[in-house]
Amino acid sequence: MNPGYRHLLDLSFKAVDLLVMVVSFLIAAGSLVPASDWYSLRQLVEVRLQASNFLLFIFLMAAWHLIFAGFGLYRALRLASVRAEARDIVKATSVGSTAVLLVAALINIDFVTSHFLVVFWVTSTALTGFARLTLRVILERFRVRGRNLRNLLIIGTNARALRFAELVENKPTLGYQINGFIDDEWTGIDKFRQTGRKLVATVPDFGNYLRGHVVDEVVISLPVSSYYSQFSNILLACEEQGVLVHMLPNFFDVKHARLSLEVLEDQPVITLRTGAMEGWPVLVKRIFDLVVAVVLLLLLTPLFVIVAILIKLTSPGPILFVQDRVGLHKRRFRFVKFRTMVQDAERRQQALEELNQVSGPVFKIRNDPRMTPVGSFLRRTSIDELPQLINVLLGDMSLVGPRPLPIRDFQAFDSDWHRRRFSVRPGMTCLWQIGGRNSVPFERWMELDMQYIDQWSLWLDCKILASTLPAVVSGKGAS
C-alpha cells in the first residue's frame, strides 16, 4: 500500500473512533428522553454544551483519543489476536467512560447519570469493536491482493521456525512475504532442505544479508544455549539498522529497543522496536507534513515557475534533477529537486572523486565546477530543495528526518549503526541541516541522526523547523 494511502487510512480510523465517542454520547443522552420527546433531547444538548462547555467537550474528545493510543490501539496489530484487541478496547472504553464522568462532574452536566454511563460504555464498546473488525476485514482484503506486504526473514531452521513460517503462510491476511531462512549446518538441516524452503545465508553472514536486502521484520528462532553470542550479534545488527525483531520466545537486554509481547495463535512473539517514533504522535507528524506540503506547494508555485524559467534560460537540460535515493527501510524512491548542475554531472563525478572535501562516504566539493550559473544561488539559498515537498506529499519523505542519501553513498557505508537512520522516513531538514550541514564531519552527522531518532518528539520537529530558516539564511555549511 502506498504510504500516503496508509496514513490516510490511519487518519480515517482515528476519526471514526472520535465519531463513535460522539455518537455514543448522543445515544446515551437520548436514552434519558422518551422516544416521543426528541425535541427535549435537542434542548438538553444545546443547553449543556454551549460556549465554554463546548471547549471542555473538545478536551474530552482529545482525552478519548489519548486513552486509545495509550492502550496501543493505534500501533501495528498484524500479530495481535482479535481477542487481545477486544480486551484492549474494553479497557480503553472503560477508562474513557470514567473520563466522561470526571468531565461531567467538572462542568456540571447533571444528565450524566449511572444509567447514562452504562449506555455510553456499552454503545462505545460495541461500536468501536465493530469499527475495528471492519478495519481488519478491509486490511486483510488489501493484503490478500498483495498490497501493503512486509518482507519477513526467519533466522533458524528448527521445527519452531518452520511452524511459525507455516502459520504466516497459512494466514495471507497477515500480509507477510518470507524472504527466506538463515542458519548454519546442523543435524537437522537436511530435513529442512527437504521442505524445499530457501536458505539465503548462514548466521555469520546475517549482517551482510541485512545490509543488501529489503527486510522489514526479522523472526529469531535459535537455541539460545548454543547460539548465545550469535544471538546477541543478530539483535545488535537489527537494533543498529532499525529493523523490527520478533523472537520465539527469548530476549536480551538491548540499548535502544523496547519490548512488547504478541501472540500468534499459540506462539508467543516478543517484538523489539527501535527509536521513539510510534503511537498517535506519528499520525500528527504525517498530517502536519501533508498540510504544510500542500500549502507550500500552492504558495510557492510562482517561485517554482520563475526558477524553472531561469534554469532553462541558463543551461541545457531538464528543470528537475531526479535521482534514486535510499528511503525508509532501505526502499528506493525517486528524489526530486531543482537541477543545479550541468546535465552530465553524475557521469563526471567519478573524475572528481579525488577532490572530495568531506569525510566519510559522501561526496561534496565547494565551488563544484559542474555547477550552473543559477545553481550556485539555488544551493546557497536551499531553493533547489523545495521540490522535495512533492516527495513529502507522496509519503516518501517527511519535513523533518535524516537526509536521504544517494545509492553511491549508501553502498559506501562501513558501519551498521549508520544504517539505523533508514528505520525512519527521510526528511527535508534535520539536526544536521541546522548544525552546519557540510561543515559537520560525517561521523558527527550520523550521531546527530541517531540522536534525532532516539529523542524524537513533535516538539523536537517544531524546534528543528523553527531553526531551519535561520540556518538557510545564514548559509552556514551550504555548498
Protein backbone atom coordinates (compact mmCIF):
# COMPACT_ATOMS: atom_id res chain seq x y z
CA MET A 1 0.00 0.00 0.00
CA ASN A 2 1.26 3.48 -0.84
CA PRO A 3 2.47 5.22 2.39
CA GLY A 4 0.21 8.17 1.67
CA TYR A 5 -2.88 5.92 1.43
CA ARG A 6 -1.82 4.05 4.57
CA HIS A 7 -1.58 7.27 6.55
CA LEU A 8 -4.93 8.39 5.16
CA LEU A 9 -6.41 5.11 6.37
CA ASP A 10 -4.89 5.64 9.83
CA LEU A 11 -6.33 9.14 9.94
CA SER A 12 -9.77 7.90 8.89
CA PHE A 13 -9.72 5.21 11.55
CA LYS A 14 -8.86 7.66 14.33
CA ALA A 15 -11.61 9.97 13.10
CA VAL A 16 -14.07 7.05 13.27
CA ASP A 17 -13.06 6.42 16.90
CA LEU A 18 -13.89 10.03 17.77
CA LEU A 19 -17.13 9.82 15.82
CA VAL A 20 -18.06 6.67 17.77
CA MET A 21 -17.45 8.56 21.00
CA VAL A 22 -19.71 11.44 19.96
CA VAL A 23 -22.44 9.11 18.66
CA SER A 24 -22.29 7.04 21.86
CA PHE A 25 -22.62 10.23 23.92
CA LEU A 26 -25.73 11.28 21.98
CA ILE A 27 -27.29 7.80 22.16
CA ALA A 28 -26.69 7.70 25.92
CA ALA A 29 -28.26 11.15 26.29
CA GLY A 30 -31.16 10.08 24.09
CA SER A 31 -31.81 7.06 26.31
CA LEU A 32 -32.78 9.50 29.07
CA VAL A 33 -35.56 11.05 26.96
CA PRO A 34 -38.84 9.36 25.97
CA ALA A 35 -38.98 8.36 22.31
CA SER A 36 -41.83 10.81 21.74
CA ASP A 37 -39.90 13.79 23.07
CA TRP A 38 -36.76 14.17 20.95
CA TYR A 39 -37.24 17.95 20.97
CA SER A 40 -36.40 17.90 24.69
CA LEU A 41 -33.22 15.99 23.88
CA ARG A 42 -32.16 18.70 21.44
CA GLN A 43 -32.80 21.36 24.07
CA LEU A 44 -30.90 19.33 26.66
CA VAL A 45 -27.82 19.01 24.48
CA GLU A 46 -27.94 22.67 23.37
CA VAL A 47 -28.18 23.93 26.96
CA ARG A 48 -25.43 21.72 28.35
CA LEU A 49 -22.93 22.02 25.51
CA GLN A 50 -22.65 25.75 24.99
CA ALA A 51 -19.62 28.07 24.82
CA SER A 52 -17.07 27.05 27.48
CA ASN A 53 -18.70 23.66 27.90
CA PHE A 54 -18.08 23.00 24.20
CA LEU A 55 -14.35 23.57 24.71
CA LEU A 56 -14.36 21.07 27.55
CA PHE A 57 -16.15 18.60 25.27
CA ILE A 58 -13.34 19.04 22.74
CA PHE A 59 -10.92 18.33 25.59
CA LEU A 60 -12.88 15.15 26.33
CA MET A 61 -12.50 14.06 22.70
CA ALA A 62 -8.75 14.64 22.88
CA ALA A 63 -8.58 12.64 26.12
CA TRP A 64 -10.55 9.81 24.46
CA HIS A 65 -8.02 9.71 21.62
CA LEU A 66 -5.05 9.70 24.01
CA ILE A 67 -6.58 6.89 26.06
CA PHE A 68 -6.99 4.73 22.95
CA ALA A 69 -3.41 5.49 21.91
CA GLY A 70 -2.19 4.68 25.41
CA PHE A 71 -3.71 1.19 25.21
CA GLY A 72 -1.82 0.57 21.95
CA LEU A 73 -4.88 0.60 19.71
CA TYR A 74 -3.12 2.65 17.03
CA ARG A 75 0.06 0.60 16.69
CA ALA A 76 0.59 -2.16 14.13
CA LEU A 77 -1.54 -5.14 15.13
CA ARG A 78 -0.70 -7.74 12.50
CA LEU A 79 0.22 -10.40 15.05
CA ALA A 80 -2.36 -9.40 17.66
CA SER A 81 -5.41 -11.63 18.03
CA VAL A 82 -8.97 -10.35 17.83
CA ARG A 83 -9.39 -11.37 21.48
CA ALA A 84 -6.37 -9.30 22.59
CA GLU A 85 -7.59 -6.28 20.63
CA ALA A 86 -11.11 -6.68 22.07
CA ARG A 87 -9.62 -6.78 25.56
CA ASP A 88 -7.76 -3.53 24.90
CA ILE A 89 -10.93 -1.93 23.53
CA VAL A 90 -12.84 -2.82 26.70
CA LYS A 91 -10.05 -1.35 28.82
CA ALA A 92 -9.92 1.84 26.72
CA THR A 93 -13.67 2.44 26.70
CA SER A 94 -13.84 1.75 30.43
CA VAL A 95 -11.17 4.34 31.17
CA GLY A 96 -12.77 6.66 28.62
CA SER A 97 -16.16 6.34 30.33
CA THR A 98 -14.51 7.24 33.60
CA ALA A 99 -13.08 10.32 31.90
CA VAL A 100 -16.61 11.25 30.75
CA LEU A 101 -17.78 11.01 34.36
CA LEU A 102 -14.94 13.26 35.54
CA VAL A 103 -15.53 15.86 32.84
CA ALA A 104 -19.29 15.79 33.55
CA ALA A 105 -18.60 16.48 37.21
CA LEU A 106 -16.21 19.28 36.26
CA ILE A 107 -18.68 21.14 34.02
CA ASN A 108 -21.78 20.07 35.93
CA ILE A 109 -23.56 18.02 33.27
CA ASP A 110 -26.26 16.59 35.55
CA PHE A 111 -27.76 14.20 32.98
CA VAL A 112 -24.58 12.08 33.08
CA THR A 113 -26.06 9.57 35.50
CA SER A 114 -25.23 5.93 36.17
CA HIS A 115 -27.81 4.97 33.53
CA PHE A 116 -26.14 7.33 31.04
CA LEU A 117 -22.69 5.87 31.74
CA VAL A 118 -23.85 2.28 31.30
CA VAL A 119 -25.48 3.06 27.94
CA PHE A 120 -22.44 5.12 26.87
CA TRP A 121 -19.98 2.37 27.79
CA VAL A 122 -21.97 -0.42 26.12
CA THR A 123 -22.55 1.64 22.95
CA SER A 124 -18.97 2.89 22.62
CA THR A 125 -17.54 -0.58 23.25
CA ALA A 126 -19.86 -2.24 20.72
CA LEU A 127 -19.40 0.40 18.00
CA THR A 128 -15.63 0.55 18.47
CA GLY A 129 -15.42 -3.24 18.27
CA PHE A 130 -17.48 -3.21 15.08
CA ALA A 131 -15.27 -0.48 13.58
CA ARG A 132 -12.09 -2.40 14.46
CA LEU A 133 -13.47 -5.60 12.99
CA THR A 134 -14.40 -3.73 9.81
CA LEU A 135 -10.89 -2.30 9.56
CA ARG A 136 -9.38 -5.77 9.96
CA VAL A 137 -11.54 -7.05 7.10
CA ILE A 138 -10.53 -4.12 4.85
CA LEU A 139 -6.81 -4.52 5.59
CA GLU A 140 -6.96 -8.28 5.15
CA ARG A 141 -8.50 -7.86 1.70
CA PHE A 142 -5.70 -5.47 0.74
CA ARG A 143 -3.05 -7.94 1.93
CA VAL A 144 -4.61 -10.96 0.25
CA ARG A 145 -4.43 -8.99 -3.02
CA GLY A 146 -0.68 -8.40 -2.50
CA ARG A 147 -0.88 -4.86 -1.16
CA ASN A 148 0.82 -3.48 1.96
CA LEU A 149 3.07 -6.55 2.33
CA ARG A 150 6.08 -6.71 4.65
CA ASN A 151 9.27 -8.70 3.98
CA LEU A 152 9.99 -11.25 6.73
CA LEU A 153 13.33 -13.01 7.34
CA ILE A 154 13.42 -16.06 9.63
CA ILE A 155 16.64 -16.96 11.46
CA GLY A 156 16.66 -20.62 12.35
CA THR A 157 15.54 -23.81 10.61
CA ASN A 158 14.24 -25.82 13.57
CA ALA A 159 10.72 -27.14 13.98
CA ARG A 160 9.57 -24.00 15.76
CA ALA A 161 10.80 -21.78 12.91
CA LEU A 162 9.07 -23.96 10.33
CA ARG A 163 5.84 -23.96 12.33
CA PHE A 164 5.94 -20.16 12.54
CA ALA A 165 6.52 -19.95 8.77
CA GLU A 166 3.53 -22.22 8.16
CA LEU A 167 1.35 -20.08 10.42
CA VAL A 168 2.33 -16.97 8.48
CA GLU A 169 1.86 -18.60 5.07
CA ASN A 170 -1.49 -20.04 6.08
CA LYS A 171 -2.65 -16.57 7.06
CA PRO A 172 -2.16 -14.39 3.95
CA THR A 173 -4.32 -11.81 5.70
CA LEU A 174 -1.29 -11.00 7.90
CA GLY A 175 0.43 -9.52 4.84
CA TYR A 176 3.89 -11.13 5.15
CA GLN A 177 6.12 -12.49 2.44
CA ILE A 178 9.05 -14.62 3.62
CA ASN A 179 12.45 -13.68 2.17
CA GLY A 180 13.94 -16.97 3.32
CA PHE A 181 15.74 -18.64 6.22
CA ILE A 182 19.15 -18.13 7.79
CA ASP A 183 21.02 -20.87 9.66
CA ASP A 184 24.27 -22.84 9.90
CA GLU A 185 24.88 -26.51 9.19
CA TRP A 186 23.41 -28.68 11.95
CA THR A 187 21.97 -32.16 12.38
CA GLY A 188 18.50 -31.13 11.25
CA ILE A 189 19.49 -29.05 8.22
CA ASP A 190 18.92 -31.92 5.76
CA LYS A 191 15.36 -32.29 7.00
CA PHE A 192 14.89 -28.56 6.46
CA ARG A 193 16.23 -28.77 2.91
CA GLN A 194 13.69 -31.49 2.13
CA THR A 195 10.93 -28.94 2.72
CA GLY A 196 12.12 -27.02 -0.34
CA ARG A 197 12.38 -23.77 1.60
CA LYS A 198 15.10 -21.26 0.72
CA LEU A 199 18.24 -20.92 2.87
CA VAL A 200 19.54 -17.46 1.97
CA ALA A 201 22.59 -17.13 4.25
CA THR A 202 24.44 -18.53 7.25
CA VAL A 203 24.22 -16.96 10.69
CA PRO A 204 27.68 -15.28 10.44
CA ASP A 205 26.57 -13.73 7.10
CA PHE A 206 23.34 -12.31 8.55
CA GLY A 207 24.76 -8.78 8.76
CA ASN A 208 25.80 -8.81 5.10
CA TYR A 209 22.38 -10.07 4.03
CA LEU A 210 20.62 -7.41 6.07
CA ARG A 211 22.73 -4.64 4.56
CA GLY A 212 21.89 -5.56 0.99
CA HIS A 213 18.24 -6.57 1.09
CA VAL A 214 14.86 -5.06 1.91
CA VAL A 215 13.93 -6.58 5.28
CA ASP A 216 11.05 -5.13 7.29
CA GLU A 217 10.97 -7.65 10.11
CA VAL A 218 13.15 -10.45 11.46
CA VAL A 219 11.99 -13.52 13.39
CA ILE A 220 14.64 -15.29 15.50
CA SER A 221 14.18 -18.97 16.34
CA LEU A 222 17.58 -20.18 17.51
CA PRO A 223 18.55 -22.22 20.60
CA VAL A 224 19.97 -19.61 22.96
CA SER A 225 22.22 -22.08 24.79
CA SER A 226 24.34 -22.83 21.70
CA TYR A 227 23.89 -19.52 19.84
CA TYR A 228 24.26 -17.01 22.64
CA SER A 229 26.99 -14.85 21.06
CA GLN A 230 25.44 -15.08 17.59
CA PHE A 231 22.04 -14.28 19.08
CA SER A 232 23.44 -11.12 20.62
CA ASN A 233 25.14 -10.10 17.36
CA ILE A 234 21.90 -10.58 15.43
CA LEU A 235 19.97 -8.43 17.88
CA LEU A 236 22.65 -5.76 17.75
CA ALA A 237 22.65 -5.72 13.94
CA CYS A 238 18.86 -5.35 13.85
CA GLU A 239 18.96 -2.68 16.53
CA GLU A 240 21.69 -0.72 14.73
CA GLN A 241 19.77 -0.76 11.45
CA GLY A 242 16.36 -0.16 13.00
CA VAL A 243 14.79 -3.44 11.85
CA LEU A 244 11.76 -4.79 13.75
CA VAL A 245 12.61 -8.02 15.60
CA HIS A 246 10.35 -10.85 16.78
CA MET A 247 11.72 -13.65 18.96
CA LEU A 248 10.41 -17.12 19.67
CA PRO A 249 10.38 -16.51 22.60
CA ASN A 250 13.72 -15.39 24.21
CA PHE A 251 15.03 -11.86 24.62
CA PHE A 252 18.17 -9.99 25.68
CA ASP A 253 18.97 -6.58 27.09
CA VAL A 254 19.40 -4.01 24.33
CA LYS A 255 20.35 -0.34 24.34
CA HIS A 256 17.53 1.38 22.49
CA ALA A 257 14.84 -1.13 21.57
CA ARG A 258 11.61 -1.54 23.54
CA LEU A 259 9.95 -4.91 24.06
CA SER A 260 6.31 -5.86 23.55
CA LEU A 261 4.58 -9.25 23.55
CA GLU A 262 2.08 -10.50 20.99
CA VAL A 263 0.59 -13.96 20.46
CA LEU A 264 0.01 -15.62 17.08
CA GLU A 265 -2.36 -18.47 17.91
CA ASP A 266 -0.31 -20.48 20.44
CA GLN A 267 3.03 -18.84 19.58
CA PRO A 268 4.30 -16.10 21.95
CA VAL A 269 6.20 -13.46 19.99
CA ILE A 270 8.41 -10.81 21.60
CA THR A 271 8.89 -7.67 19.49
CA LEU A 272 11.73 -5.14 19.76
CA ARG A 273 11.01 -1.65 18.46
CA THR A 274 13.94 0.72 17.99
CA GLY A 275 13.53 4.51 18.11
CA ALA A 276 10.88 6.78 19.53
CA MET A 277 8.56 7.05 16.52
CA GLU A 278 5.31 5.25 17.34
CA GLY A 279 1.78 5.94 18.51
CA TRP A 280 -0.51 8.86 17.79
CA PRO A 281 2.32 11.48 17.51
CA VAL A 282 3.40 9.77 14.27
CA LEU A 283 -0.07 10.36 12.83
CA VAL A 284 0.08 14.02 13.86
CA LYS A 285 3.50 14.28 12.20
CA ARG A 286 2.13 12.85 8.95
CA ILE A 287 -0.95 15.10 8.97
CA PHE A 288 1.30 18.10 9.57
CA ASP A 289 3.55 17.01 6.69
CA LEU A 290 0.59 16.75 4.32
CA VAL A 291 -0.96 20.09 5.31
CA VAL A 292 2.31 22.02 5.13
CA ALA A 293 3.35 20.36 1.85
CA VAL A 294 0.05 21.21 0.15
CA VAL A 295 0.01 24.80 1.43
CA LEU A 296 3.65 25.47 0.50
CA LEU A 297 3.32 23.92 -2.95
CA LEU A 298 0.38 26.22 -3.67
CA LEU A 299 2.08 29.32 -2.26
CA LEU A 300 5.42 28.62 -3.96
CA THR A 301 4.01 27.95 -7.43
CA PRO A 302 5.02 31.43 -8.76
CA LEU A 303 8.56 30.95 -7.40
CA PHE A 304 8.74 27.49 -9.00
CA VAL A 305 7.77 28.98 -12.37
CA ILE A 306 10.44 31.70 -12.12
CA VAL A 307 13.15 29.21 -11.09
CA ALA A 308 12.15 26.84 -13.90
CA ILE A 309 12.48 29.64 -16.45
CA LEU A 310 15.89 30.68 -15.10
CA ILE A 311 17.19 27.12 -15.23
CA LYS A 312 16.01 26.69 -18.82
CA LEU A 313 17.49 30.01 -19.93
CA THR A 314 20.92 29.46 -18.38
CA SER A 315 21.73 25.81 -19.14
CA PRO A 316 20.53 22.99 -21.38
CA GLY A 317 18.80 20.06 -19.74
CA PRO A 318 15.77 19.27 -17.57
CA ILE A 319 14.40 21.61 -14.91
CA LEU A 320 14.28 18.95 -12.22
CA PHE A 321 17.06 16.66 -11.07
CA VAL A 322 15.60 13.20 -10.38
CA GLN A 323 17.68 10.55 -8.67
CA ASP A 324 17.17 7.26 -6.85
CA ARG A 325 17.65 7.73 -3.11
CA VAL A 326 17.50 5.34 -0.15
CA GLY A 327 14.40 5.80 2.00
CA LEU A 328 12.50 4.02 4.77
CA HIS A 329 13.91 0.51 5.44
CA LYS A 330 16.31 0.96 2.51
CA ARG A 331 13.49 1.18 -0.04
CA ARG A 332 14.44 3.29 -3.02
CA PHE A 333 12.37 6.22 -4.24
CA ARG A 334 12.63 8.91 -6.89
CA PHE A 335 14.02 12.03 -5.24
CA VAL A 336 13.37 15.39 -6.93
CA LYS A 337 14.97 18.82 -6.67
CA PHE A 338 15.74 21.72 -8.98
CA ARG A 339 18.75 20.98 -11.20
CA THR A 340 21.78 22.98 -10.08
CA MET A 341 24.49 21.27 -12.13
CA VAL A 342 25.23 20.58 -15.77
CA GLN A 343 23.26 17.85 -17.46
CA ASP A 344 26.00 15.17 -17.27
CA ALA A 345 27.07 15.96 -13.70
CA GLU A 346 26.65 12.39 -12.41
CA ARG A 347 28.80 10.98 -15.21
CA ARG A 348 31.57 13.50 -14.44
CA GLN A 349 31.58 12.80 -10.69
CA GLN A 350 33.98 9.85 -10.88
CA ALA A 351 36.68 12.07 -12.36
CA LEU A 352 36.29 14.46 -9.42
CA GLU A 353 36.35 11.89 -6.60
CA GLU A 354 39.89 12.83 -5.53
CA LEU A 355 38.71 16.42 -4.91
CA ASN A 356 36.10 15.33 -2.34
CA GLN A 357 36.29 17.73 0.63
CA VAL A 358 34.13 15.94 3.22
CA SER A 359 34.82 12.88 5.34
CA GLY A 360 33.07 9.54 5.06
CA PRO A 361 31.29 8.05 2.06
CA VAL A 362 29.50 11.25 0.99
CA PHE A 363 30.76 13.45 -1.85
CA LYS A 364 30.87 17.27 -1.71
CA ILE A 365 33.06 19.91 -3.35
CA ARG A 366 32.97 23.61 -2.63
CA ASN A 367 32.82 25.64 -5.85
CA ASP A 368 31.95 22.46 -7.77
CA PRO A 369 32.94 23.01 -11.44
CA ARG A 370 29.75 21.26 -12.54
CA MET A 371 27.55 23.98 -11.02
CA THR A 372 25.40 26.05 -13.41
CA PRO A 373 25.20 29.87 -13.22
CA VAL A 374 21.87 29.71 -11.39
CA GLY A 375 22.72 26.56 -9.45
CA SER A 376 25.11 28.24 -7.02
CA PHE A 377 22.40 30.68 -5.89
CA LEU A 378 19.80 27.91 -5.63
CA ARG A 379 22.15 25.81 -3.48
CA ARG A 380 23.14 28.72 -1.23
CA THR A 381 19.51 29.64 -0.55
CA SER A 382 18.29 25.99 -0.48
CA ILE A 383 15.62 26.86 -3.06
CA ASP A 384 16.76 23.80 -5.01
CA GLU A 385 15.41 21.60 -2.19
CA LEU A 386 11.81 22.90 -2.35
CA PRO A 387 10.51 20.38 -4.95
CA GLN A 388 11.07 17.73 -2.27
CA LEU A 389 7.71 18.86 -0.95
CA ILE A 390 6.37 16.57 -3.69
CA ASN A 391 8.20 13.64 -2.05
CA VAL A 392 6.68 14.67 1.29
CA LEU A 393 3.22 14.71 -0.28
CA LEU A 394 3.76 11.24 -1.76
CA GLY A 395 4.91 9.85 1.60
CA ASP A 396 8.49 9.10 0.53
CA MET A 397 9.83 11.83 2.84
CA SER A 398 8.85 13.91 5.85
CA LEU A 399 9.50 17.59 6.54
CA VAL A 400 11.90 16.55 9.31
CA GLY A 401 14.10 13.46 9.26
CA PRO A 402 17.58 12.23 8.27
CA ARG A 403 18.55 13.44 4.81
CA PRO A 404 18.01 10.84 2.04
CA LEU A 405 21.30 9.62 0.59
CA PRO A 406 22.22 8.65 -2.99
CA ILE A 407 22.78 4.96 -3.74
CA ARG A 408 26.51 5.62 -4.13
CA ASP A 409 26.83 6.99 -0.57
CA PHE A 410 24.65 4.23 0.92
CA GLN A 411 26.75 1.49 -0.64
CA ALA A 412 29.90 3.02 0.86
CA PHE A 413 28.65 2.75 4.47
CA ASP A 414 31.08 0.68 6.57
CA SER A 415 29.30 0.69 9.96
CA ASP A 416 25.97 -0.97 10.65
CA TRP A 417 24.90 1.59 13.23
CA HIS A 418 24.87 4.18 10.43
CA ARG A 419 22.12 2.18 8.74
CA ARG A 420 19.68 2.72 11.61
CA ARG A 421 18.94 6.08 10.01
CA PHE A 422 16.90 4.11 7.44
CA SER A 423 14.48 2.95 10.16
CA VAL A 424 12.61 6.28 9.88
CA ARG A 425 11.31 8.26 6.94
CA PRO A 426 13.95 10.63 5.47
CA GLY A 427 13.30 14.35 5.69
CA MET A 428 13.97 17.74 4.11
CA THR A 429 15.72 19.01 7.22
CA CYS A 430 17.15 17.59 10.43
CA LEU A 431 19.71 18.30 13.16
CA TRP A 432 22.50 18.07 10.58
CA GLN A 433 20.91 20.82 8.49
CA ILE A 434 20.76 23.29 11.36
CA GLY A 435 24.14 22.25 12.76
CA GLY A 436 26.27 23.31 9.82
CA ARG A 437 25.49 20.84 7.02
CA ASN A 438 28.66 20.13 5.02
CA SER A 439 30.90 21.66 7.70
CA VAL A 440 29.86 18.81 10.04
CA PRO A 441 32.10 15.68 9.90
CA PHE A 442 30.39 12.55 8.64
CA GLU A 443 30.57 10.66 11.95
CA ARG A 444 29.05 13.62 13.79
CA TRP A 445 26.34 13.80 11.10
CA MET A 446 25.43 10.16 11.75
CA GLU A 447 25.45 10.76 15.52
CA LEU A 448 23.01 13.65 15.06
CA ASP A 449 20.71 11.38 13.03
CA MET A 450 20.78 8.76 15.81
CA GLN A 451 20.09 11.50 18.37
CA TYR A 452 17.06 12.59 16.35
CA ILE A 453 15.71 9.03 16.09
CA ASP A 454 16.17 8.22 19.78
CA GLN A 455 14.88 11.54 21.13
CA TRP A 456 12.18 12.23 18.55
CA SER A 457 9.07 14.11 19.57
CA LEU A 458 6.69 16.52 17.88
CA TRP A 459 8.29 19.32 19.89
CA LEU A 460 11.73 18.38 18.54
CA ASP A 461 10.36 18.57 14.98
CA CYS A 462 8.96 22.03 15.72
CA LYS A 463 12.30 23.23 17.08
CA ILE A 464 14.16 21.90 14.04
CA LEU A 465 11.74 23.56 11.62
CA ALA A 466 11.98 26.84 13.54
CA SER A 467 15.80 26.69 13.37
CA THR A 468 15.98 25.71 9.69
CA LEU A 469 15.10 29.10 8.20
CA PRO A 470 17.85 30.99 10.13
CA ALA A 471 20.32 28.26 9.12
CA VAL A 472 19.31 28.63 5.46
CA VAL A 473 19.52 32.43 5.59
CA SER A 474 22.99 32.31 7.12
CA GLY A 475 24.11 29.77 4.51
CA LYS A 476 26.29 28.01 7.06
CA GLY A 477 27.80 24.85 5.59
CA ALA A 478 25.96 25.16 2.28
CA SER A 479 27.75 24.22 -0.92
